[in-house]
Amino acid sequence: MELALVLQELLKRRRALAAGAAIALIAAVMSVYRVDGFGLAARGLTHSSASTEVFVDTPSSVLGNVNEAIEPLQARATTYANFMASPAMLALIGQRAGIAGDRLYAAGPVDPLVPRVVEEPTAVVRNVQITGETDPYRLNFSNDPNLPTIGIAAQAPSTSQAVKLADSAAWALSHYVSQLQARNNTPVNDRIVIRQLGSATGGISDAGVSKALATIVFVLVFALWCVGMLLSARFAETWRVAARAHGRESGTAGERQRKDGSSSRRRKSDEGAQQRQGDVGRPVATEAKPADSRAPSRNGRAKRRVHLPAGES
């Protein structure tokens, strides 16, 4: 029931709903693409990978000679796999692939029998820390403990770059070992031969990541927009109700004040009328004038007469 009311409330605001859908669509597109000039370029969420494998062999090949032991070649393959992640090999691989060696993130196999020692980070470790999480050029080297093989896995923004990077890693190992043996004048029968077991093949990896991310962003932004619409509508309705209630209270208070003022004026007029009626029947008091002390009275004049004794006149 509440869901139906929510949907009904949203459908009343179709224009705002359409605007929210457009904003969510733009956010979804920008989550997997970036503005590049006048167009859009992928943000690198998808990548291509390629793989190949090399075989550590002898000039006569242990695969066709039962008199040659394969165990020494297995240990040598493990050593080569770890060596390929070194800065010297990465520089050689990058030179062959047309990529700077410091842009490559490489990881080799770790022998579980070798104890780990805490050391100062090498250039390779620092390279991983700086570029491993953001640079799409990656190499991973692995080996089979039962076979003298080295697996090479490459990652790059495009399939062609990934294939070229994997082939370049196989070439770099073969070239480095051959040059080292030539400088040391190693006898031909004692040399190591690096054989690539077919050219590298690759394709796009995690192609659905961008679509899944865009879908999640669209749903999330649109849901937040709908929630904001409902909250704003509820807030506006509450505001209007409060304003109407305040207006009624103000009108009631003004009416009460006007009534009180008219009652007070009526009361004052009644009191004034009563006072005027009382003054009509009240006798008017006259103020007596004081007697003039300078006017002599007869009695006073008689009192001022002096009777002289006999013989005096």
C-alpha atoms as a PDB file:
ATOM      1  CA  MET A   1       0.000   0.000   0.000  1.00  0.00           C
ATOM      2  CA  GLU A   2       2.787   2.425   0.916  1.00  0.00           C
ATOM      3  CA  LEU A   3       4.655   1.553  -2.286  1.00  0.00           C
ATOM      4  CA  ALA A   4       1.569   2.387  -4.329  1.00  0.00           C
ATOM      5  CA  LEU A   5       1.276   5.751  -2.574  1.00  0.00           C
ATOM      6  CA  VAL A   6       4.952   6.464  -3.220  1.00  0.00           C
ATOM      7  CA  LEU A   7       4.601   5.618  -6.906  1.00  0.00           C
ATOM      8  CA  GLN A   8       1.485   7.737  -7.166  1.00  0.00           C
ATOM      9  CA  GLU A   9       3.313  10.644  -5.533  1.00  0.00           C
ATOM     10  CA  LEU A  10       6.227  10.285  -7.955  1.00  0.00           C
ATOM     11  CA  LEU A  11       4.016  10.062 -11.027  1.00  0.00           C
ATOM     12  CA  LYS A  12       2.476  13.404 -10.099  1.00  0.00           C
ATOM     13  CA  ARG A  13       5.870  14.969 -10.845  1.00  0.00           C
ATOM     14  CA  ARG A  14       6.712  13.442 -14.205  1.00  0.00           C
ATOM     15  CA  ARG A  15       8.871  16.303 -15.368  1.00  0.00           C
ATOM     16  CA  ALA A  16      11.064  16.137 -12.296  1.00  0.00           C
ATOM     17  CA  LEU A  17      11.171  12.355 -12.662  1.00  0.00           C
ATOM     18  CA  ALA A  18      12.364  12.686 -16.265  1.00  0.00           C
ATOM     19  CA  ALA A  19      15.021  15.190 -15.196  1.00  0.00           C
ATOM     20  CA  GLY A  20      16.244  12.746 -12.547  1.00  0.00           C
ATOM     21  CA  ALA A  21      16.476   9.954 -15.119  1.00  0.00           C
ATOM     22  CA  ALA A  22      18.532  12.198 -17.408  1.00  0.00           C
ATOM     23  CA  ILE A  23      20.894  13.150 -14.574  1.00  0.00           C
ATOM     24  CA  ALA A  24      21.289   9.495 -13.565  1.00  0.00           C
ATOM     25  CA  LEU A  25      22.070   8.553 -17.173  1.00  0.00           C
ATOM     26  CA  ILE A  26      24.739  11.243 -17.422  1.00  0.00           C
ATOM     27  CA  ALA A  27      26.283  10.089 -14.138  1.00  0.00           C
ATOM     28  CA  ALA A  28      26.313   6.471 -15.358  1.00  0.00           C
ATOM     29  CA  VAL A  29      28.038   7.413 -18.609  1.00  0.00           C
ATOM     30  CA  MET A  30      30.616   9.587 -16.857  1.00  0.00           C
ATOM     31  CA  SER A  31      31.394   6.787 -14.415  1.00  0.00           C
ATOM     32  CA  VAL A  32      32.898   4.675 -17.209  1.00  0.00           C
ATOM     33  CA  TYR A  33      33.924   7.400 -19.667  1.00  0.00           C
ATOM     34  CA  ARG A  34      35.805  10.674 -19.416  1.00  0.00           C
ATOM     35  CA  VAL A  35      35.746  13.756 -21.602  1.00  0.00           C
ATOM     36  CA  ASP A  36      38.630  13.637 -24.076  1.00  0.00           C
ATOM     37  CA  GLY A  37      38.586  16.731 -26.268  1.00  0.00           C
ATOM     38  CA  PHE A  38      35.288  16.687 -28.114  1.00  0.00           C
ATOM     39  CA  GLY A  39      34.592  13.023 -27.424  1.00  0.00           C
ATOM     40  CA  LEU A  40      34.531  10.413 -24.703  1.00  0.00           C
ATOM     41  CA  ALA A  41      37.287   7.996 -23.753  1.00  0.00           C
ATOM     42  CA  ALA A  42      37.086   4.949 -21.543  1.00  0.00           C
ATOM     43  CA  ARG A  43      38.347   5.347 -18.001  1.00  0.00           C
ATOM     44  CA  GLY A  44      40.382   2.149 -18.212  1.00  0.00           C
ATOM     45  CA  LEU A  45      37.991  -0.018 -16.239  1.00  0.00           C
ATOM     46  CA  THR A  46      38.321  -2.694 -18.899  1.00  0.00           C
ATOM     47  CA  HIS A  47      41.671  -4.029 -20.011  1.00  0.00           C
ATOM     48  CA  SER A  48      43.121  -6.596 -22.351  1.00  0.00           C
ATOM     49  CA  SER A  49      45.324  -9.491 -21.374  1.00  0.00           C
ATOM     50  CA  ALA A  50      47.558 -11.888 -23.260  1.00  0.00           C
ATOM     51  CA  SER A  51      49.595 -14.911 -22.283  1.00  0.00           C
ATOM     52  CA  THR A  52      52.346 -17.096 -23.597  1.00  0.00           C
ATOM     53  CA  GLU A  53      54.757 -19.659 -22.264  1.00  0.00           C
ATOM     54  CA  VAL A  54      58.459 -20.297 -22.650  1.00  0.00           C
ATOM     55  CA  PHE A  55      60.357 -23.544 -22.204  1.00  0.00           C
ATOM     56  CA  VAL A  56      63.794 -23.610 -20.617  1.00  0.00           C
ATOM     57  CA  ASP A  57      65.594 -26.176 -22.748  1.00  0.00           C
ATOM     58  CA  THR A  58      68.989 -27.356 -23.949  1.00  0.00           C
ATOM     59  CA  PRO A  59      70.389 -27.132 -27.512  1.00  0.00           C
ATOM     60  CA  SER A  60      69.489 -30.763 -28.162  1.00  0.00           C
ATOM     61  CA  SER A  61      66.166 -30.401 -26.261  1.00  0.00           C
ATOM     62  CA  VAL A  62      65.406 -32.569 -23.254  1.00  0.00           C
ATOM     63  CA  LEU A  63      62.069 -33.362 -24.839  1.00  0.00           C
ATOM     64  CA  GLY A  64      63.805 -35.584 -27.402  1.00  0.00           C
ATOM     65  CA  ASN A  65      66.798 -36.795 -25.402  1.00  0.00           C
ATOM     66  CA  VAL A  66      66.217 -39.207 -22.543  1.00  0.00           C
ATOM     67  CA  ASN A  67      69.877 -39.005 -21.509  1.00  0.00           C
ATOM     68  CA  GLU A  68      69.484 -35.412 -20.317  1.00  0.00           C
ATOM     69  CA  ALA A  69      67.990 -34.685 -16.888  1.00  0.00           C
ATOM     70  CA  ILE A  70      65.070 -32.278 -16.641  1.00  0.00           C
ATOM     71  CA  GLU A  71      65.331 -31.464 -12.913  1.00  0.00           C
ATOM     72  CA  PRO A  72      68.149 -28.882 -13.232  1.00  0.00           C
ATOM     73  CA  LEU A  73      66.115 -27.059 -15.840  1.00  0.00           C
ATOM     74  CA  GLN A  74      63.128 -26.839 -13.463  1.00  0.00           C
ATOM     75  CA  ALA A  75      65.191 -25.020 -10.841  1.00  0.00           C
ATOM     76  CA  ARG A  76      66.648 -22.774 -13.531  1.00  0.00           C
ATOM     77  CA  ALA A  77      63.137 -21.910 -14.759  1.00  0.00           C
ATOM     78  CA  THR A  78      62.170 -20.766 -11.251  1.00  0.00           C
ATOM     79  CA  THR A  79      65.272 -18.571 -11.134  1.00  0.00           C
ATOM     80  CA  TYR A  80      64.525 -17.072 -14.536  1.00  0.00           C
ATOM     81  CA  ALA A  81      60.893 -16.382 -13.611  1.00  0.00           C
ATOM     82  CA  ASN A  82      61.924 -14.348 -10.575  1.00  0.00           C
ATOM     83  CA  PHE A  83      64.720 -12.649 -12.509  1.00  0.00           C
ATOM     84  CA  MET A  84      62.299 -11.430 -15.180  1.00  0.00           C
ATOM     85  CA  ALA A  85      60.664  -9.109 -12.629  1.00  0.00           C
ATOM     86  CA  SER A  86      63.947  -7.246 -12.059  1.00  0.00           C
ATOM     87  CA  PRO A  87      64.454  -3.645 -13.273  1.00  0.00           C
ATOM     88  CA  ALA A  88      67.048  -4.749 -15.862  1.00  0.00           C
ATOM     89  CA  MET A  89      64.640  -7.169 -17.500  1.00  0.00           C
ATOM     90  CA  LEU A  90      61.731  -4.712 -17.314  1.00  0.00           C
ATOM     91  CA  ALA A  91      63.832  -2.088 -19.101  1.00  0.00           C
ATOM     92  CA  LEU A  92      64.658  -4.587 -21.828  1.00  0.00           C
ATOM     93  CA  ILE A  93      61.019  -5.693 -22.136  1.00  0.00           C
ATOM     94  CA  GLY A  94      59.808  -2.091 -22.275  1.00  0.00           C
ATOM     95  CA  GLN A  95      62.390  -1.221 -24.934  1.00  0.00           C
ATOM     96  CA  ARG A  96      61.149  -4.092 -27.096  1.00  0.00           C
ATOM     97  CA  ALA A  97      57.456  -3.235 -26.536  1.00  0.00           C
ATOM     98  CA  GLY A  98      57.899   0.528 -26.870  1.00  0.00           C
ATOM     99  CA  ILE A  99      56.970   1.223 -23.233  1.00  0.00           C
ATOM    100  CA  ALA A 100      59.128   2.804 -20.553  1.00  0.00           C
ATOM    101  CA  GLY A 101      60.367   0.192 -18.107  1.00  0.00           C
ATOM    102  CA  ASP A 102      59.299   2.236 -15.076  1.00  0.00           C
ATOM    103  CA  ARG A 103      55.688   2.049 -16.296  1.00  0.00           C
ATOM    104  CA  LEU A 104      55.612  -1.745 -16.006  1.00  0.00           C
ATOM    105  CA  TYR A 105      54.341  -3.512 -12.937  1.00  0.00           C
ATOM    106  CA  ALA A 106      55.833  -6.994 -12.706  1.00  0.00           C
ATOM    107  CA  ALA A 107      55.524  -9.810 -10.200  1.00  0.00           C
ATOM    108  CA  GLY A 108      57.374 -13.082 -10.234  1.00  0.00           C
ATOM    109  CA  PRO A 109      56.751 -16.376  -8.463  1.00  0.00           C
ATOM    110  CA  VAL A 110      57.749 -16.780  -4.837  1.00  0.00           C
ATOM    111  CA  ASP A 111      59.392 -19.999  -3.690  1.00  0.00           C
ATOM    112  CA  PRO A 112      57.568 -21.118  -0.528  1.00  0.00           C
ATOM    113  CA  LEU A 113      60.743 -22.823   0.735  1.00  0.00           C
ATOM    114  CA  VAL A 114      62.704 -19.576   0.750  1.00  0.00           C
ATOM    115  CA  PRO A 115      62.236 -17.536   3.959  1.00  0.00           C
ATOM    116  CA  ARG A 116      61.132 -13.966   3.507  1.00  0.00           C
ATOM    117  CA  VAL A 117      63.520 -11.296   4.774  1.00  0.00           C
ATOM    118  CA  VAL A 118      62.448  -7.769   5.567  1.00  0.00           C
ATOM    119  CA  GLU A 119      64.680  -5.551   3.468  1.00  0.00           C
ATOM    120  CA  GLU A 120      64.770  -2.013   2.127  1.00  0.00           C
ATOM    121  CA  PRO A 121      62.265  -1.766  -0.752  1.00  0.00           C
ATOM    122  CA  THR A 122      63.978  -2.244  -4.084  1.00  0.00           C
ATOM    123  CA  ALA A 123      63.271  -0.290  -7.245  1.00  0.00           C
ATOM    124  CA  VAL A 124      60.864  -3.010  -8.340  1.00  0.00           C
ATOM    125  CA  VAL A 125      58.889  -2.806  -5.110  1.00  0.00           C
ATOM    126  CA  ARG A 126      58.720   0.971  -5.337  1.00  0.00           C
ATOM    127  CA  ASN A 127      57.621   0.654  -8.945  1.00  0.00           C
ATOM    128  CA  VAL A 128      54.772  -1.596  -7.837  1.00  0.00           C
ATOM    129  CA  GLN A 129      53.755   0.815  -5.087  1.00  0.00           C
ATOM    130  CA  ILE A 130      53.765   3.811  -7.425  1.00  0.00           C
ATOM    131  CA  THR A 131      52.325   2.403 -10.647  1.00  0.00           C
ATOM    132  CA  GLY A 132      50.853  -0.974  -9.769  1.00  0.00           C
ATOM    133  CA  GLU A 133      47.378   0.292  -8.903  1.00  0.00           C
ATOM    134  CA  THR A 134      46.965   2.895 -11.632  1.00  0.00           C
ATOM    135  CA  ASP A 135      49.115   1.877 -14.631  1.00  0.00           C
ATOM    136  CA  PRO A 136      47.465  -0.762 -16.822  1.00  0.00           C
ATOM    137  CA  TYR A 137      50.773  -2.269 -18.056  1.00  0.00           C
ATOM    138  CA  ARG A 138      51.385  -5.382 -15.981  1.00  0.00           C
ATOM    139  CA  LEU A 139      53.382  -8.565 -16.249  1.00  0.00           C
ATOM    140  CA  ASN A 140      53.073 -11.670 -14.157  1.00  0.00           C
ATOM    141  CA  PHE A 141      55.549 -14.533 -14.315  1.00  0.00           C
ATOM    142  CA  SER A 142      54.824 -18.003 -12.978  1.00  0.00           C
ATOM    143  CA  ASN A 143      56.422 -21.407 -13.216  1.00  0.00           C
ATOM    144  CA  ASP A 144      55.390 -25.025 -12.849  1.00  0.00           C
ATOM    145  CA  PRO A 145      57.467 -26.837 -10.208  1.00  0.00           C
ATOM    146  CA  ASN A 146      57.217 -30.053 -12.232  1.00  0.00           C
ATOM    147  CA  LEU A 147      58.162 -28.551 -15.609  1.00  0.00           C
ATOM    148  CA  PRO A 148      60.921 -26.183 -16.800  1.00  0.00           C
ATOM    149  CA  THR A 149      58.396 -23.695 -18.114  1.00  0.00           C
ATOM    150  CA  ILE A 150      57.650 -20.044 -17.376  1.00  0.00           C
ATOM    151  CA  GLY A 151      54.167 -18.631 -17.825  1.00  0.00           C
ATOM    152  CA  ILE A 152      53.961 -15.020 -18.988  1.00  0.00           C
ATOM    153  CA  ALA A 153      50.754 -13.057 -18.493  1.00  0.00           C
ATOM    154  CA  ALA A 154      50.534  -9.465 -19.745  1.00  0.00           C
ATOM    155  CA  GLN A 155      47.929  -6.767 -19.262  1.00  0.00           C
ATOM    156  CA  ALA A 156      47.550  -3.582 -21.311  1.00  0.00           C
ATOM    157  CA  PRO A 157      44.822  -1.128 -22.400  1.00  0.00           C
ATOM    158  CA  SER A 158      44.382  -2.879 -25.765  1.00  0.00           C
ATOM    159  CA  THR A 159      44.684  -6.457 -26.947  1.00  0.00           C
ATOM    160  CA  SER A 160      47.451  -5.661 -29.433  1.00  0.00           C
ATOM    161  CA  GLN A 161      49.519  -3.994 -26.724  1.00  0.00           C
ATOM    162  CA  ALA A 162      48.994  -6.921 -24.357  1.00  0.00           C
ATOM    163  CA  VAL A 163      50.076  -9.437 -27.034  1.00  0.00           C
ATOM    164  CA  LYS A 164      53.133  -7.359 -27.897  1.00  0.00           C
ATOM    165  CA  LEU A 165      54.058  -7.041 -24.216  1.00  0.00           C
ATOM    166  CA  ALA A 166      53.866 -10.792 -23.638  1.00  0.00           C
ATOM    167  CA  ASP A 167      55.912 -11.581 -26.759  1.00  0.00           C
ATOM    168  CA  SER A 168      58.429  -8.925 -25.748  1.00  0.00           C
ATOM    169  CA  ALA A 169      58.895 -10.588 -22.358  1.00  0.00           C
ATOM    170  CA  ALA A 170      59.632 -13.941 -23.988  1.00  0.00           C
ATOM    171  CA  TRP A 171      62.034 -12.310 -26.441  1.00  0.00           C
ATOM    172  CA  ALA A 172      63.781 -10.323 -23.674  1.00  0.00           C
ATOM    173  CA  LEU A 173      64.532 -13.473 -21.648  1.00  0.00           C
ATOM    174  CA  SER A 174      65.881 -15.325 -24.686  1.00  0.00           C
ATOM    175  CA  HIS A 175      67.945 -12.327 -25.793  1.00  0.00           C
ATOM    176  CA  TYR A 176      69.399 -11.683 -22.339  1.00  0.00           C
ATOM    177  CA  VAL A 177      70.404 -15.325 -21.769  1.00  0.00           C
ATOM    178  CA  SER A 178      71.924 -15.605 -25.270  1.00  0.00           C
ATOM    179  CA  GLN A 179      73.926 -12.398 -24.862  1.00  0.00           C
ATOM    180  CA  LEU A 180      75.153 -13.491 -21.446  1.00  0.00           C
ATOM    181  CA  GLN A 181      76.295 -16.876 -22.738  1.00  0.00           C
ATOM    182  CA  ALA A 182      77.997 -15.273 -25.734  1.00  0.00           C
ATOM    183  CA  ARG A 183      79.956 -12.859 -23.546  1.00  0.00           C
ATOM    184  CA  ASN A 184      81.022 -15.700 -21.258  1.00  0.00           C
ATOM    185  CA  ASN A 185      81.962 -17.934 -24.184  1.00  0.00           C
ATOM    186  CA  THR A 186      79.797 -20.748 -22.852  1.00  0.00           C
ATOM    187  CA  PRO A 187      80.224 -23.943 -24.878  1.00  0.00           C
ATOM    188  CA  VAL A 188      77.370 -24.564 -27.269  1.00  0.00           C
ATOM    189  CA  ASN A 189      76.418 -27.904 -25.728  1.00  0.00           C
ATOM    190  CA  ASP A 190      76.261 -26.327 -22.253  1.00  0.00           C
ATOM    191  CA  ARG A 191      74.082 -23.400 -23.180  1.00  0.00           C
ATOM    192  CA  ILE A 192      70.444 -22.779 -22.255  1.00  0.00           C
ATOM    193  CA  VAL A 193      67.912 -22.274 -24.999  1.00  0.00           C
ATOM    194  CA  ILE A 194      64.694 -20.330 -24.324  1.00  0.00           C
ATOM    195  CA  ARG A 195      61.946 -21.630 -26.587  1.00  0.00           C
ATOM    196  CA  GLN A 196      58.646 -19.747 -26.823  1.00  0.00           C
ATOM    197  CA  LEU A 197      55.766 -22.193 -27.067  1.00  0.00           C
ATOM    198  CA  GLY A 198      53.726 -20.295 -29.633  1.00  0.00           C
ATOM    199  CA  SER A 199      52.959 -16.621 -30.013  1.00  0.00           C
ATOM    200  CA  ALA A 200      50.977 -14.817 -27.341  1.00  0.00           C
ATOM    201  CA  THR A 201      47.206 -14.724 -27.593  1.00  0.00           C
ATOM    202  CA  GLY A 202      44.868 -12.373 -25.760  1.00  0.00           C
ATOM    203  CA  GLY A 203      41.578 -10.611 -25.559  1.00  0.00           C
ATOM    204  CA  ILE A 204      39.505  -8.200 -23.478  1.00  0.00           C
ATOM    205  CA  SER A 205      39.198  -9.073 -19.803  1.00  0.00           C
ATOM    206  CA  ASP A 206      36.345  -8.059 -17.501  1.00  0.00           C
ATOM    207  CA  ALA A 207      34.363  -6.521 -20.336  1.00  0.00           C
ATOM    208  CA  GLY A 208      31.233  -6.497 -18.207  1.00  0.00           C
ATOM    209  CA  VAL A 209      32.719  -4.426 -15.393  1.00  0.00           C
ATOM    210  CA  SER A 210      31.935  -1.081 -17.037  1.00  0.00           C
ATOM    211  CA  LYS A 211      28.349  -2.102 -17.813  1.00  0.00           C
ATOM    212  CA  ALA A 212      27.768  -3.326 -14.277  1.00  0.00           C
ATOM    213  CA  LEU A 213      29.259  -0.153 -12.794  1.00  0.00           C
ATOM    214  CA  ALA A 214      27.191   2.081 -15.078  1.00  0.00           C
ATOM    215  CA  THR A 215      24.024   0.205 -14.105  1.00  0.00           C
ATOM    216  CA  ILE A 216      24.792   0.525 -10.401  1.00  0.00           C
ATOM    217  CA  VAL A 217      25.505   4.249 -10.714  1.00  0.00           C
ATOM    218  CA  PHE A 218      22.292   4.849 -12.678  1.00  0.00           C
ATOM    219  CA  VAL A 219      20.114   2.989 -10.158  1.00  0.00           C
ATOM    220  CA  LEU A 220      21.773   4.673  -7.186  1.00  0.00           C
ATOM    221  CA  VAL A 221      21.548   8.228  -8.547  1.00  0.00           C
ATOM    222  CA  PHE A 222      17.950   7.773  -9.718  1.00  0.00           C
ATOM    223  CA  ALA A 223      16.930   6.309  -6.350  1.00  0.00           C
ATOM    224  CA  LEU A 224      18.530   9.234  -4.508  1.00  0.00           C
ATOM    225  CA  TRP A 225      16.732  11.646  -6.841  1.00  0.00           C
ATOM    226  CA  CYS A 226      13.364  10.003  -6.096  1.00  0.00           C
ATOM    227  CA  VAL A 227      14.010  10.100  -2.358  1.00  0.00           C
ATOM    228  CA  GLY A 228      14.938  13.774  -2.645  1.00  0.00           C
ATOM    229  CA  MET A 229      11.715  14.470  -4.551  1.00  0.00           C
ATOM    230  CA  LEU A 230       9.614  12.787  -1.873  1.00  0.00           C
ATOM    231  CA  LEU A 231      11.404  14.593   0.947  1.00  0.00           C
ATOM    232  CA  SER A 232      11.102  17.970  -0.776  1.00  0.00           C
ATOM    233  CA  ALA A 233       7.401  17.377  -1.429  1.00  0.00           C
ATOM    234  CA  ARG A 234       6.825  16.424   2.205  1.00  0.00           C
ATOM    235  CA  PHE A 235       8.800  19.450   3.387  1.00  0.00           C
ATOM    236  CA  ALA A 236       6.846  21.801   1.114  1.00  0.00           C
ATOM    237  CA  GLU A 237       3.530  20.383   2.329  1.00  0.00           C
ATOM    238  CA  THR A 238       4.585  20.740   5.962  1.00  0.00           C
ATOM    239  CA  TRP A 239       5.706  24.295   5.265  1.00  0.00           C
ATOM    240  CA  ARG A 240       2.344  25.208   3.720  1.00  0.00           C
ATOM    241  CA  VAL A 241       0.410  23.657   6.611  1.00  0.00           C
ATOM    242  CA  ALA A 242       2.545  25.527   9.129  1.00  0.00           C
ATOM    243  CA  ALA A 243       2.092  28.783   7.208  1.00  0.00           C
ATOM    244  CA  ARG A 244      -1.688  28.373   7.103  1.00  0.00           C
ATOM    245  CA  ALA A 245      -1.781  27.538  10.811  1.00  0.00           C
ATOM    246  CA  HIS A 246       0.355  30.582  11.585  1.00  0.00           C
ATOM    247  CA  GLY A 247      -1.916  32.759   9.445  1.00  0.00           C
ATOM    248  CA  ARG A 248      -5.008  31.544  11.277  1.00  0.00           C
ATOM    249  CA  GLU A 249      -3.354  32.189  14.636  1.00  0.00           C
ATOM    250  CA  SER A 250      -2.317  35.679  13.529  1.00  0.00           C
ATOM    251  CA  GLY A 251      -5.853  36.425  12.268  1.00  0.00           C
ATOM    252  CA  THR A 252      -7.423  35.180  15.492  1.00  0.00           C
ATOM    253  CA  ALA A 253      -5.027  37.251  17.575  1.00  0.00           C
ATOM    254  CA  GLY A 254      -5.725  40.370  15.462  1.00  0.00           C
ATOM    255  CA  GLU A 255      -9.469  39.852  15.662  1.00  0.00           C
ATOM    256  CA  ARG A 256      -9.220  39.363  19.410  1.00  0.00           C
ATOM    257  CA  GLN A 257      -7.141  42.521  19.681  1.00  0.00           C
ATOM    258  CA  ARG A 258      -9.648  44.473  17.587  1.00  0.00           C
ATOM    259  CA  LYS A 259     -12.490  43.194  19.760  1.00  0.00           C
ATOM    260  CA  ASP A 260     -10.628  44.167  22.909  1.00  0.00           C
ATOM    261  CA  GLY A 261      -9.929  47.629  21.473  1.00  0.00           C
ATOM    262  CA  SER A 262     -13.565  48.216  20.506  1.00  0.00           C
ATOM    263  CA  SER A 263     -14.743  47.001  23.926  1.00  0.00           C
ATOM    264  CA  SER A 264     -12.302  49.331  25.642  1.00  0.00           C
ATOM    265  CA  ARG A 265     -13.440  52.289  23.535  1.00  0.00           C
ATOM    266  CA  ARG A 266     -17.084  51.414  24.197  1.00  0.00           C
ATOM    267  CA  ARG A 267     -16.401  51.166  27.908  1.00  0.00           C
ATOM    268  CA  LYS A 268     -14.677  54.539  27.937  1.00  0.00           C
ATOM    269  CA  SER A 269     -17.541  56.171  26.009  1.00  0.00           C
ATOM    270  CA  ASP A 270     -20.063  54.704  28.458  1.00  0.00           C
ATOM    271  CA  GLU A 271     -18.099  56.016  31.431  1.00  0.00           C
ATOM    272  CA  GLY A 272     -17.875  59.481  29.799  1.00  0.00           C
ATOM    273  CA  ALA A 273     -21.630  59.516  29.184  1.00  0.00           C
ATOM    274  CA  GLN A 274     -22.366  58.542  32.794  1.00  0.00           C
ATOM    275  CA  GLN A 275     -20.055  61.252  34.051  1.00  0.00           C
ATOM    276  CA  ARG A 276     -21.750  63.893  31.911  1.00  0.00           C
ATOM    277  CA  GLN A 277     -25.209  62.815  33.183  1.00  0.00           C
ATOM    278  CA  GLY A 278     -24.038  63.166  36.780  1.00  0.00           C
ATOM    279  CA  ASP A 279     -22.697  66.640  36.189  1.00  0.00           C
ATOM    280  CA  VAL A 280     -26.114  67.882  34.889  1.00  0.00           C
ATOM    281  CA  GLY A 281     -28.021  67.342  38.212  1.00  0.00           C
ATOM    282  CA  ARG A 282     -25.239  68.580  40.498  1.00  0.00           C
ATOM    283  CA  PRO A 283     -25.725  72.219  41.904  1.00  0.00           C
ATOM    284  CA  VAL A 284     -23.160  74.757  40.858  1.00  0.00           C
ATOM    285  CA  ALA A 285     -21.182  76.138  43.829  1.00  0.00           C
ATOM    286  CA  THR A 286     -20.347  79.871  43.799  1.00  0.00           C
ATOM    287  CA  GLU A 287     -17.186  81.191  45.289  1.00  0.00           C
ATOM    288  CA  ALA A 288     -17.680  83.939  47.931  1.00  0.00           C
ATOM    289  CA  LYS A 289     -15.662  87.063  47.439  1.00  0.00           C
ATOM    290  CA  PRO A 290     -13.581  88.053  50.450  1.00  0.00           C
ATOM    291  CA  ALA A 291     -14.490  91.318  52.162  1.00  0.00           C
ATOM    292  CA  ASP A 292     -12.316  94.253  51.388  1.00  0.00           C
ATOM    293  CA  SER A 293     -10.346  94.971  54.530  1.00  0.00           C
ATOM    294  CA  ARG A 294      -9.657  98.516  53.448  1.00  0.00           C
ATOM    295  CA  ALA A 295     -13.371  99.482  53.441  1.00  0.00           C
ATOM    296  CA  PRO A 296     -14.160 100.598  56.989  1.00  0.00           C
ATOM    297  CA  SER A 297     -17.367  99.413  58.493  1.00  0.00           C
ATOM    298  CA  ARG A 298     -19.647 101.491  60.682  1.00  0.00           C
ATOM    299  CA  ASN A 299     -18.993  99.422  63.702  1.00  0.00           C
ATOM    300  CA  GLY A 300     -15.331  99.805  63.118  1.00  0.00           C
ATOM    301  CA  ARG A 301     -15.644 103.492  62.782  1.00  0.00           C
ATOM    302  CA  ALA A 302     -17.601 103.591  66.039  1.00  0.00           C
ATOM    303  CA  LYS A 303     -14.961 101.563  67.718  1.00  0.00           C
ATOM    304  CA  ARG A 304     -12.323 104.057  66.671  1.00  0.00           C
ATOM    305  CA  ARG A 305     -14.152 106.900  68.446  1.00  0.00           C
ATOM    306  CA  VAL A 306     -12.314 107.980  71.562  1.00  0.00           C
ATOM    307  CA  HIS A 307     -14.248 109.370  74.557  1.00  0.00           C
ATOM    308  CA  LEU A 308     -12.109 112.011  76.237  1.00  0.00           C
ATOM    309  CA  PRO A 309     -12.445 112.534  80.010  1.00  0.00           C
ATOM    310  CA  ALA A 310     -14.271 115.568  81.317  1.00  0.00           C
ATOM    311  CA  GLY A 311     -12.427 118.822  81.121  1.00  0.00           C
ATOM    312  CA  GLU A 312     -10.554 117.791  78.028  1.00  0.00           C
ATOM    313  CA  SER A 313     -11.875 118.805  74.672  1.00  0.00           C
END
